Structures are given as structure tokens and as C-alpha cells.
Amino acid sequence: MTPTDLTVHIERGLSDLRDLVTLPSVSAQGRMLPETAAAVRTLLEAEGFTVHEVPGDVAPVLIAEAGEGPATLLIYNHYDVQPEDPLALWDSPPFELTERDGRLYGRGASDDKGEFASRLAAVRAVKARHGGRLPLRVRWLIEGEEEVGSPSLDRVVREQAEHLHADGCWWEFGAIDPEGRPVLSLGLKGVMCLELRCRVAASDLHSSLGAVVDNPLYRLARAVTSLRDEAGRLTIPGVLDDVRASSGADRAAVAQIPGDGQAMRDTYGVTRPLAAGAGYHDRLGLMPVVNVNGWGGGYQGEGSKTVLPAEGFVKLDFRLVPDQDPAHVLELLRAHLDAQGLDDIEIVELEAHQRPARTDAAHPFVQACVAAAREAHGTEPVVQPSSGASGPMYPFQAALGVPCVAAGIGNAGGRVHAPNENILRGHFARGVAFGVALLERLAAPPA
């Protein structure tokens, strides 16, 4: 079934997306979350899903089920979105789906309402091919807290495990590269966001006293420079000991990923790359990293002010890989700073940690997704053992033991989390075609 054959389902899916984008379901601000959950529930129930709602810390979590057959597919999506700020940088209203030159703009058009709408369209298409029957069991978890770190998800997945077991999980995002190749990601890095804080006095001092009073920004600089070497490799003692060795299938998948990061470097004008050539994808997907997100303290206005600041802070994030435990990494960080004589630097955890997760590239569910992508897109997919990004995949593997594959409709210019978030109409159509191919493949009786 090609996108041309799916036109009616694609257009209905875009109509669903248009309605969903009008709902400003911003979890960071608690806006329109119950209302959006209700809208999603209505769409699912119209397709025969039984839906029950589980209270979350921030927003309702929906768990839905429909169909019967030889396989069970779990789908994970979220209905919350990022804030629209800064509003002045949008070229059209953020909560109104607007088409320009084949792109559809709006908050959530890609992340994640567009993904949900394309998958629901695929379910409709498969039902239409089977006389209104869904020839496999589809279980769906849709939350409204992903953009604030999914604080309820681990609990909900563990408590609702009997309703979520499946042969595989179709994860909430994915991309199609500029050459039209679908990109499948088999894992996500963990993330740990921290703030290092240092105070040396009750108030700012005259900078002449720098001769006899230490400087908090210098101490923070010492701390930051001790965390990695010039090549970006973590230098905290013991932090790499738990890194899981990549499998042969993972290494083979990395070796076939096209490109060496040049497109990214060109897009963003990168002048100091840490990895290129054969090491680019290995570093991006399979190795941990620490990032400095922001630095504050002291005078930052025009001209000079001869002041010794009383305090300062640095914001960090660690991107972790299997089998690194964020809590253990935090312990190692504390011990490392203490050993450097930086025991006065306070470590503040900024939000819930997420643990890393990865599915082996040789898993049969991965191979089913690869075959479905090849069929729907007419080209060989790019298989990434892990995305360089993070998300709440770990509970699905730890509590359910389910393999996860991310495949979707994002694009390199999609501006996810930024003004003018968008998808390509053609990519939405291909996403529906992929969903149909995957569902049909899973529904086929085992050979």
C-alpha cells in the first residue's frame, strides 16, 4: 500500500492533527492537559479502542487497547508540547496548523501530535483493509508529561505492566533524512541535569580582595575542566567502568550509517568538532558525554566592574549510555570533586533523571521495523543503535522487557522545541505508509 492508496486516511489524519494543534497542551505550564487527553481519548474510542485513564503527577496517562491477532504491538506517544515562546519568532500562529510550501507549521506538528495522528491514520487504513477489524492487538500508552521529564511514567508502566506487555514497542519519534531515508533509532541515552553551586562570602567583595579570598567562578571552572579531557572523554574516575560493550550487530549498524556529521557542522556553523569521520556516529550514539548548559555569577553588564562575586553556578547535563546508573554517576561526581579539594561545591539535581536504554539490532522486532521501513519508503533505512538524545524508554525495557524502535516523520529542518516547528506533508504520508506496513507485517501469521 503506497501513500497514493492511503490518501483518504492521510487527509483524515491531517484533519486530526489540525484539531489537536489547536489545543495548547503545554505541560510546563499546566495548560489544557485534561482537555487534550479527552480529545485523544475520543479519537481512540472512535476506532474501537478501550481506553482507561491513569492519574499522573502532572497530566492524565491514557492506556488503550484494540484488536486481536498473533502479535501485540505497544505504541508510545505523548500529547503535551513545549511552550510556544518566543511568540514573536513564529511566522504563523503556533496553535494553528498552517501549510506553506509543503510544510505544516504548528506547535506539536512534529513533537508529538503529528506522530500520533499519523499512527492513528495507519490503524484506520489497516482496519479498512480487513473489513473493520484490527488483525493484531495494539496497545497504546499516551502521556501528557514527556516535555517535563515524564515524572509519572516509571510508576505507571510498572503498575500497569499487565496491560502493556507486547512483542515490541513503536517509540514516539523518528526522522526522515534529507536524502529521504528513514532513520530508525534503537535506543536513547540517559540524561542527568545538575547545577554546581559555589559560595565564598555573604556578599560580593571588592576585587582587590581576590588576593586573599578565593573566587567561586574559578572554583567552578576548576570543577568543570576536571570532568572531561580535550577530546570530550569523561575523566571522572570510574564513570566509564559500567559502559556496556556494544554488540556485533550494534557495531555493524554504526558502520553503515551514512555521513560523518558534515551536514550538521554546516547547518550550525560548527568550528570545533570533537568527532568526525568513522568516530562520529560511535561517539554520538554509544558513548557518554557531559555538557555545560549555562554559567552564571558576577558582573555581566557592559564595561567593567571590579568585583569578586560571592557566588556562582554552572548548569550541566550528562548523557549516559547502558549500563550507567545516574545515581551511581552522581556518587562518582561527588567523590571526584571532593578529591580535587572542591568539597564546598554543592551539587543540585534539577529534575528527574532518565536512565539509558537500547535494543539489540539483531532483535526480530527490529528486523520487522527495518523491513517495513524499506517497503514504505522504497529505500534502505538508516539504523542507529542509539539516538544521541534522551527520553523515558528505560521503564519499558526494565519493567516490560520489550524491544523499542523509534521511527517517525521528523525532518532536519523541523525546528522541534523552537518557533516554526513543522513537518513535511510528504513525510506525514510516508509515516502512515510505514505504520500500515509494520502493522500488516506483525499481523501476518508466523512462517
Protein backbone atom coordinates (compact mmCIF):
# COMPACT_ATOMS: atom_id res chain seq x y z
CA MET A 1 0.00 0.00 0.00
CA THR A 2 1.56 3.29 -1.16
CA PRO A 3 0.87 6.84 0.07
CA THR A 4 -1.30 7.34 -3.04
CA ASP A 5 -3.53 4.41 -1.96
CA LEU A 6 -3.73 5.92 1.51
CA THR A 7 -4.87 9.41 0.52
CA VAL A 8 -8.20 9.36 2.36
CA HIS A 9 -6.55 8.15 5.58
CA ILE A 10 -3.69 10.64 5.26
CA GLU A 11 -6.08 13.56 4.84
CA ARG A 12 -8.18 12.43 7.78
CA GLY A 13 -5.02 12.11 9.85
CA LEU A 14 -4.04 15.66 8.94
CA SER A 15 -7.50 16.80 9.98
CA ASP A 16 -6.97 15.10 13.36
CA LEU A 17 -3.62 16.85 13.65
CA ARG A 18 -5.17 20.21 12.81
CA ASP A 19 -7.67 19.77 15.67
CA LEU A 20 -5.01 18.62 18.13
CA VAL A 21 -2.64 21.51 17.37
CA THR A 22 -5.36 23.99 18.40
CA LEU A 23 -5.09 22.66 21.96
CA PRO A 24 -2.16 24.39 23.77
CA SER A 25 -1.26 21.39 25.93
CA VAL A 26 1.88 22.88 27.48
CA SER A 27 2.85 20.61 30.37
CA ALA A 28 5.46 23.03 31.73
CA GLN A 29 2.64 25.49 32.38
CA GLY A 30 -0.18 23.04 33.10
CA ARG A 31 -2.27 24.27 30.16
CA MET A 32 -5.11 22.29 28.55
CA LEU A 33 -3.82 18.88 29.63
CA PRO A 34 -7.09 17.19 30.71
CA GLU A 35 -8.85 18.69 27.69
CA THR A 36 -6.22 17.33 25.29
CA ALA A 37 -6.27 13.93 26.97
CA ALA A 38 -10.04 13.88 26.44
CA ALA A 39 -9.63 14.76 22.74
CA VAL A 40 -7.10 11.95 22.26
CA ARG A 41 -9.37 9.55 24.09
CA THR A 42 -12.27 10.44 21.81
CA LEU A 43 -10.15 9.74 18.72
CA LEU A 44 -9.06 6.36 20.06
CA GLU A 45 -12.53 5.27 21.16
CA ALA A 46 -13.90 6.14 17.72
CA GLU A 47 -11.54 3.47 16.33
CA GLY A 48 -12.70 0.81 18.79
CA PHE A 49 -10.03 1.22 21.45
CA THR A 50 -10.91 0.58 25.05
CA VAL A 51 -9.27 3.43 26.95
CA HIS A 52 -8.65 3.84 30.64
CA GLU A 53 -7.10 6.84 32.28
CA VAL A 54 -4.42 6.71 34.96
CA PRO A 55 -3.79 9.85 37.04
CA GLY A 56 -0.32 11.30 36.59
CA ASP A 57 1.59 13.75 38.71
CA VAL A 58 1.08 16.46 36.06
CA ALA A 59 -1.38 15.10 33.48
CA PRO A 60 -3.54 12.05 32.76
CA VAL A 61 -1.93 8.98 31.22
CA LEU A 62 -4.06 7.08 28.70
CA ILE A 63 -3.72 3.33 28.18
CA ALA A 64 -5.68 1.94 25.24
CA GLU A 65 -6.16 -1.45 23.59
CA ALA A 66 -7.85 -2.80 20.47
CA GLY A 67 -7.65 -5.75 18.09
CA GLU A 68 -6.72 -9.43 18.29
CA GLY A 69 -4.13 -11.44 16.45
CA PRO A 70 -0.82 -13.31 16.56
CA ALA A 71 1.21 -10.35 17.79
CA THR A 72 0.92 -7.43 20.17
CA LEU A 73 2.35 -4.02 19.34
CA LEU A 74 2.79 -1.35 22.00
CA ILE A 75 2.87 2.27 20.82
CA TYR A 76 4.16 5.10 22.99
CA ASN A 77 3.29 8.75 22.31
CA HIS A 78 2.71 11.94 24.27
CA TYR A 79 0.15 14.72 23.84
CA ASP A 80 1.93 17.52 25.70
CA VAL A 81 4.05 20.12 23.91
CA GLN A 82 6.75 22.69 24.62
CA PRO A 83 5.87 26.33 25.34
CA GLU A 84 5.45 28.48 22.24
CA ASP A 85 7.83 31.21 23.46
CA PRO A 86 9.27 33.33 21.93
CA LEU A 87 6.00 34.07 20.18
CA ALA A 88 7.43 36.90 18.06
CA LEU A 89 9.61 34.43 16.13
CA TRP A 90 6.67 32.43 14.78
CA ASP A 91 5.69 33.19 11.18
CA SER A 92 2.15 31.91 11.81
CA PRO A 93 0.07 31.27 14.95
CA PRO A 94 1.72 28.43 16.91
CA PHE A 95 -1.58 26.75 17.78
CA GLU A 96 -2.99 26.79 14.27
CA LEU A 97 -1.75 24.23 11.74
CA THR A 98 -0.60 26.31 8.76
CA GLU A 99 0.70 24.94 5.45
CA ARG A 100 3.39 26.73 3.44
CA ASP A 101 5.30 25.17 0.55
CA GLY A 102 4.55 21.62 1.57
CA ARG A 103 5.37 22.15 5.25
CA LEU A 104 2.82 22.13 8.04
CA TYR A 105 3.68 24.50 10.89
CA GLY A 106 2.40 24.47 14.45
CA ARG A 107 3.42 23.55 17.97
CA GLY A 108 3.21 19.77 18.22
CA ALA A 109 3.03 19.29 14.44
CA SER A 110 6.05 17.03 14.81
CA ASP A 111 6.57 16.52 18.55
CA ASP A 112 4.40 14.62 19.16
CA LYS A 113 0.88 15.18 17.87
CA GLY A 114 1.93 14.65 14.26
CA GLU A 115 3.45 11.30 15.17
CA PHE A 116 0.29 10.24 17.00
CA ALA A 117 -2.02 11.36 14.19
CA SER A 118 -0.01 9.53 11.51
CA ARG A 119 -0.09 6.31 13.54
CA LEU A 120 -3.82 6.54 14.15
CA ALA A 121 -4.28 7.05 10.40
CA ALA A 122 -2.30 3.85 9.81
CA VAL A 123 -4.55 1.93 12.21
CA ARG A 124 -7.61 3.17 10.29
CA ALA A 125 -6.09 2.10 6.99
CA VAL A 126 -5.32 -1.40 8.25
CA LYS A 127 -8.84 -1.75 9.64
CA ALA A 128 -10.25 -0.68 6.28
CA ARG A 129 -8.24 -3.40 4.55
CA HIS A 130 -9.56 -6.03 6.98
CA GLY A 131 -13.26 -5.23 6.95
CA GLY A 132 -13.18 -3.01 10.01
CA ARG A 133 -11.13 -5.50 12.07
CA LEU A 134 -7.67 -4.87 13.51
CA PRO A 135 -5.74 -8.10 12.84
CA LEU A 136 -3.32 -7.78 15.76
CA ARG A 137 -3.51 -6.45 19.30
CA VAL A 138 -2.43 -2.81 19.57
CA ARG A 139 -1.76 -1.38 22.99
CA TRP A 140 -1.13 2.34 23.27
CA LEU A 141 0.31 4.44 26.11
CA ILE A 142 -0.09 8.18 25.63
CA GLU A 143 1.10 10.52 28.36
CA GLY A 144 0.99 14.26 28.91
CA GLU A 145 4.22 14.74 30.88
CA GLU A 146 7.03 13.91 28.45
CA GLU A 147 8.12 17.52 28.00
CA VAL A 148 8.65 17.85 31.76
CA GLY A 149 10.63 14.65 32.20
CA SER A 150 7.82 12.05 32.45
CA PRO A 151 7.73 12.05 36.26
CA SER A 152 4.84 9.52 36.43
CA LEU A 153 5.87 7.16 33.65
CA ASP A 154 8.09 4.73 35.54
CA ARG A 155 5.39 4.21 38.17
CA VAL A 156 2.59 3.88 35.63
CA VAL A 157 4.47 1.39 33.45
CA ARG A 158 5.26 -0.80 36.44
CA GLU A 159 1.75 -0.61 37.91
CA GLN A 160 0.06 -1.21 34.54
CA ALA A 161 2.51 -3.80 33.22
CA GLU A 162 -0.20 -6.42 32.60
CA HIS A 163 -1.88 -4.01 30.15
CA LEU A 164 1.36 -3.10 28.38
CA HIS A 165 3.24 -6.33 27.62
CA ALA A 166 3.94 -6.63 23.89
CA ASP A 167 6.24 -8.13 21.28
CA GLY A 168 7.68 -4.70 20.52
CA CYS A 169 7.23 -1.00 21.17
CA TRP A 170 7.00 1.65 18.45
CA TRP A 171 8.59 4.68 20.10
CA GLU A 172 7.23 8.22 19.91
CA PHE A 173 9.57 9.92 17.47
CA GLY A 174 11.70 9.37 14.41
CA ALA A 175 13.05 11.09 11.34
CA ILE A 176 13.47 11.00 7.60
CA ASP A 177 16.84 12.35 6.50
CA PRO A 178 17.39 14.92 3.71
CA GLU A 179 18.01 12.08 1.22
CA GLY A 180 14.61 10.57 2.02
CA ARG A 181 15.95 7.68 4.09
CA PRO A 182 14.01 6.71 7.21
CA VAL A 183 16.14 6.79 10.34
CA LEU A 184 15.36 4.13 12.96
CA SER A 185 16.77 4.55 16.46
CA LEU A 186 17.02 1.52 18.73
CA GLY A 187 17.81 3.32 21.96
CA LEU A 188 18.10 6.57 23.86
CA LYS A 189 20.80 7.94 26.11
CA GLY A 190 20.03 8.58 29.73
CA VAL A 191 20.13 12.15 30.99
CA MET A 192 21.03 13.73 34.32
CA CYS A 193 20.68 17.51 34.71
CA LEU A 194 22.63 19.15 37.52
CA GLU A 195 23.69 22.52 38.83
CA LEU A 196 27.02 23.08 40.55
CA ARG A 197 26.90 25.96 43.03
CA CYS A 198 29.70 27.66 44.90
CA ARG A 199 29.59 30.47 47.50
CA VAL A 200 32.62 32.07 49.17
CA ALA A 201 31.12 35.04 51.02
CA ALA A 202 27.86 36.57 52.25
CA SER A 203 28.05 39.34 49.61
CA ASP A 204 30.13 40.45 46.64
CA LEU A 205 33.54 41.88 47.52
CA HIS A 206 35.91 44.45 46.00
CA SER A 207 38.12 42.62 43.52
CA SER A 208 41.26 43.74 45.33
CA LEU A 209 40.36 41.11 47.90
CA GLY A 210 40.94 38.46 45.26
CA ALA A 211 44.47 38.34 46.62
CA VAL A 212 43.19 36.80 49.85
CA VAL A 213 39.71 35.39 49.05
CA ASP A 214 39.12 32.58 46.57
CA ASN A 215 36.79 33.15 43.62
CA PRO A 216 33.69 30.95 43.18
CA LEU A 217 33.85 31.21 39.39
CA TYR A 218 37.44 30.00 39.40
CA ARG A 219 36.48 27.07 41.60
CA LEU A 220 33.61 26.22 39.29
CA ALA A 221 35.99 26.46 36.32
CA ARG A 222 38.32 24.01 38.02
CA ALA A 223 35.41 21.66 38.61
CA VAL A 224 34.20 21.81 35.00
CA THR A 225 37.63 21.34 33.43
CA SER A 226 38.19 18.25 35.59
CA LEU A 227 35.15 16.43 34.13
CA ARG A 228 36.45 15.73 30.60
CA ASP A 229 39.59 15.86 28.50
CA GLU A 230 40.24 17.88 25.36
CA ALA A 231 38.66 15.16 23.21
CA GLY A 232 35.45 15.25 25.24
CA ARG A 233 36.02 11.93 27.01
CA LEU A 234 34.76 11.81 30.60
CA THR A 235 37.58 11.81 33.17
CA ILE A 236 35.64 11.20 36.40
CA PRO A 237 37.29 8.10 37.90
CA GLY A 238 35.10 5.01 37.47
CA VAL A 239 32.45 6.70 35.33
CA LEU A 240 33.22 4.61 32.23
CA ASP A 241 33.51 1.29 34.07
CA ASP A 242 29.82 0.43 33.63
CA VAL A 243 29.54 1.34 29.94
CA ARG A 244 28.07 -1.68 28.18
CA ALA A 245 30.18 -3.08 25.37
CA SER A 246 28.36 -2.67 22.07
CA SER A 247 27.25 -5.86 20.34
CA GLY A 248 28.45 -7.01 16.95
CA ALA A 249 25.08 -6.07 15.47
CA ASP A 250 25.33 -2.61 17.03
CA ARG A 251 28.83 -2.08 15.62
CA ALA A 252 27.71 -3.26 12.19
CA ALA A 253 24.76 -0.85 12.32
CA VAL A 254 27.02 2.07 13.27
CA ALA A 255 29.39 1.22 10.44
CA GLN A 256 26.63 1.53 7.83
CA ILE A 257 25.28 4.91 9.00
CA PRO A 258 26.00 7.35 6.16
CA GLY A 259 27.82 10.63 6.65
CA ASP A 260 30.32 11.87 9.20
CA GLY A 261 28.45 14.82 10.69
CA GLN A 262 29.42 17.30 7.97
CA ALA A 263 25.77 18.24 7.31
CA MET A 264 25.31 19.05 11.00
CA ARG A 265 28.52 21.07 11.09
CA ASP A 266 27.50 23.01 8.00
CA THR A 267 23.97 23.65 9.28
CA TYR A 268 25.15 25.09 12.59
CA GLY A 269 28.48 26.58 11.53
CA VAL A 270 30.44 24.35 13.91
CA THR A 271 34.07 25.44 14.27
CA ARG A 272 35.31 23.00 16.94
CA PRO A 273 34.03 19.47 16.27
CA LEU A 274 35.05 16.78 18.76
CA ALA A 275 34.49 13.86 16.38
CA ALA A 276 34.31 13.36 12.64
CA GLY A 277 34.87 10.57 10.17
CA ALA A 278 34.37 7.00 11.39
CA GLY A 279 34.17 8.05 15.04
CA TYR A 280 31.28 10.49 14.65
CA HIS A 281 28.35 8.09 14.95
CA ASP A 282 30.10 5.92 17.52
CA ARG A 283 30.59 8.93 19.81
CA LEU A 284 27.11 10.31 19.16
CA GLY A 285 25.20 7.14 19.95
CA LEU A 286 27.38 4.84 22.02
CA MET A 287 29.49 6.98 24.36
CA PRO A 288 28.54 9.20 27.34
CA VAL A 289 29.18 12.94 27.42
CA VAL A 290 28.94 15.89 29.80
CA ASN A 291 27.73 19.28 28.54
CA VAL A 292 27.94 22.76 30.06
CA ASN A 293 24.48 24.26 29.51
CA GLY A 294 25.00 27.61 31.19
CA TRP A 295 27.21 29.60 33.55
CA GLY A 296 26.28 32.42 35.87
CA GLY A 297 27.71 34.70 38.53
CA GLY A 298 29.40 38.04 38.92
CA TYR A 299 29.06 41.12 36.73
CA GLN A 300 27.77 40.55 33.19
CA GLY A 301 26.84 44.06 32.06
CA GLU A 302 28.69 46.41 29.73
CA GLY A 303 32.12 47.67 30.63
CA SER A 304 33.97 46.56 33.73
CA LYS A 305 33.05 46.19 37.37
CA THR A 306 35.89 45.24 39.64
CA VAL A 307 34.05 42.81 41.82
CA LEU A 308 34.79 39.44 43.37
CA PRO A 309 31.44 37.61 43.18
CA ALA A 310 30.15 35.95 46.29
CA GLU A 311 28.64 33.01 44.40
CA GLY A 312 28.23 31.36 41.03
CA PHE A 313 26.68 28.37 39.33
CA VAL A 314 27.15 26.09 36.35
CA LYS A 315 24.38 24.04 34.73
CA LEU A 316 25.38 20.63 33.37
CA ASP A 317 23.78 17.68 31.69
CA PHE A 318 25.25 14.19 31.45
CA ARG A 319 24.14 11.98 28.55
CA LEU A 320 24.60 8.38 29.66
CA VAL A 321 24.65 5.00 27.92
CA PRO A 322 23.76 1.46 29.05
CA ASP A 323 24.52 0.31 31.80
CA GLN A 324 25.30 3.59 33.53
CA ASP A 325 23.09 4.38 36.53
CA PRO A 326 22.54 8.14 37.06
CA ALA A 327 22.57 7.71 40.85
CA HIS A 328 25.96 5.98 40.69
CA VAL A 329 27.35 8.63 38.34
CA LEU A 330 26.21 11.27 40.83
CA GLU A 331 28.09 9.47 43.62
CA LEU A 332 31.23 9.30 41.47
CA LEU A 333 30.94 13.01 40.66
CA ARG A 334 30.70 13.91 44.34
CA ALA A 335 33.72 11.78 45.22
CA HIS A 336 35.67 13.28 42.30
CA LEU A 337 35.01 16.88 43.32
CA ASP A 338 35.90 16.10 46.92
CA ALA A 339 39.19 14.54 45.80
CA GLN A 340 40.02 17.76 43.91
CA GLY A 341 39.57 19.81 47.08
CA LEU A 342 36.24 21.12 45.76
CA ASP A 343 34.10 19.73 48.56
CA ASP A 344 32.47 23.16 49.04
CA ILE A 345 30.81 22.93 45.61
CA GLU A 346 27.19 21.93 46.02
CA ILE A 347 25.56 19.55 43.51
CA VAL A 348 21.87 20.24 42.94
CA GLU A 349 19.71 17.83 40.94
CA LEU A 350 17.46 19.87 38.65
CA GLU A 351 14.89 17.28 37.53
CA ALA A 352 14.19 13.58 37.47
CA HIS A 353 16.95 11.51 35.88
CA GLN A 354 16.30 9.21 32.95
CA ARG A 355 18.26 6.00 32.51
CA PRO A 356 19.64 4.87 29.15
CA ALA A 357 18.07 2.08 27.11
CA ARG A 358 18.99 0.22 23.94
CA THR A 359 17.57 -2.68 21.91
CA ASP A 360 19.99 -5.03 20.16
CA ALA A 361 19.99 -4.50 16.41
CA ALA A 362 19.62 -8.27 15.85
CA HIS A 363 16.21 -8.48 17.59
CA PRO A 364 13.38 -9.81 15.36
CA PHE A 365 11.20 -6.77 16.12
CA VAL A 366 13.99 -4.51 14.87
CA GLN A 367 14.17 -6.54 11.68
CA ALA A 368 10.38 -6.24 11.21
CA CYS A 369 10.67 -2.45 11.53
CA VAL A 370 13.58 -2.35 9.08
CA ALA A 371 11.60 -4.38 6.55
CA ALA A 372 8.51 -2.18 6.99
CA ALA A 373 10.60 0.98 6.54
CA ARG A 374 12.21 -0.43 3.41
CA GLU A 375 8.77 -1.25 1.99
CA ALA A 376 7.13 2.08 2.85
CA HIS A 377 9.98 4.36 1.85
CA GLY A 378 11.38 2.42 -1.09
CA THR A 379 14.93 2.78 0.19
CA GLU A 380 17.23 1.20 2.74
CA PRO A 381 16.68 2.68 6.23
CA VAL A 382 19.44 4.06 8.42
CA VAL A 383 19.60 2.10 11.69
CA GLN A 384 21.08 3.91 14.68
CA PRO A 385 21.80 1.66 17.71
CA SER A 386 21.03 4.74 19.81
CA SER A 387 19.90 8.28 19.30
CA GLY A 388 22.15 10.91 20.83
CA ALA A 389 19.06 12.30 22.56
CA SER A 390 17.27 11.09 25.70
CA GLY A 391 13.80 10.02 26.71
CA PRO A 392 11.85 7.74 29.08
CA MET A 393 12.48 4.42 27.27
CA TYR A 394 14.15 2.63 30.18
CA PRO A 395 10.97 1.66 32.10
CA PHE A 396 9.61 -0.12 29.03
CA GLN A 397 12.67 -2.32 28.86
CA ALA A 398 13.25 -2.74 32.61
CA ALA A 399 9.63 -3.44 33.62
CA LEU A 400 8.25 -4.98 30.42
CA GLY A 401 11.32 -6.41 28.70
CA VAL A 402 10.01 -5.04 25.43
CA PRO A 403 12.28 -4.05 22.50
CA CYS A 404 11.81 -0.46 21.37
CA VAL A 405 12.29 1.14 17.96
CA ALA A 406 11.83 4.84 17.21
CA ALA A 407 10.57 5.56 13.69
CA GLY A 408 8.64 8.63 12.62
CA ILE A 409 8.08 11.69 10.49
CA GLY A 410 10.54 14.31 11.73
CA ASN A 411 12.87 16.23 9.40
CA ALA A 412 16.20 18.01 9.67
CA GLY A 413 14.51 21.42 9.45
CA GLY A 414 11.61 20.53 11.75
CA ARG A 415 12.56 23.05 14.47
CA VAL A 416 11.27 20.81 17.24
CA HIS A 417 11.01 22.79 20.54
CA ALA A 418 11.62 26.02 18.59
CA PRO A 419 9.45 28.58 16.80
CA ASN A 420 8.03 27.39 13.47
CA GLU A 421 8.01 23.69 14.39
CA ASN A 422 6.98 21.78 11.28
CA ILE A 423 6.62 18.56 9.35
CA LEU A 424 6.63 17.90 5.63
CA ARG A 425 3.29 16.78 4.19
CA GLY A 426 5.10 14.06 2.23
CA HIS A 427 6.78 12.78 5.38
CA PHE A 428 3.41 12.51 7.14
CA ALA A 429 2.20 10.37 4.23
CA ARG A 430 5.27 8.16 4.42
CA GLY A 431 4.76 7.79 8.16
CA VAL A 432 1.25 6.47 7.56
CA ALA A 433 2.59 4.05 4.94
CA PHE A 434 5.25 2.81 7.38
CA GLY A 435 2.61 2.24 10.05
CA VAL A 436 0.50 0.20 7.66
CA ALA A 437 3.49 -1.88 6.57
CA LEU A 438 4.54 -2.56 10.17
CA LEU A 439 1.06 -3.48 11.38
CA GLU A 440 0.46 -5.79 8.42
CA ARG A 441 3.85 -7.45 8.86
CA LEU A 442 3.25 -8.10 12.54
CA ALA A 443 -0.29 -9.34 11.86
CA ALA A 444 0.88 -11.93 9.32
CA PRO A 445 0.90 -15.49 10.70
CA PRO A 446 4.40 -16.71 11.61
CA ALA A 447 6.08 -18.60 8.78
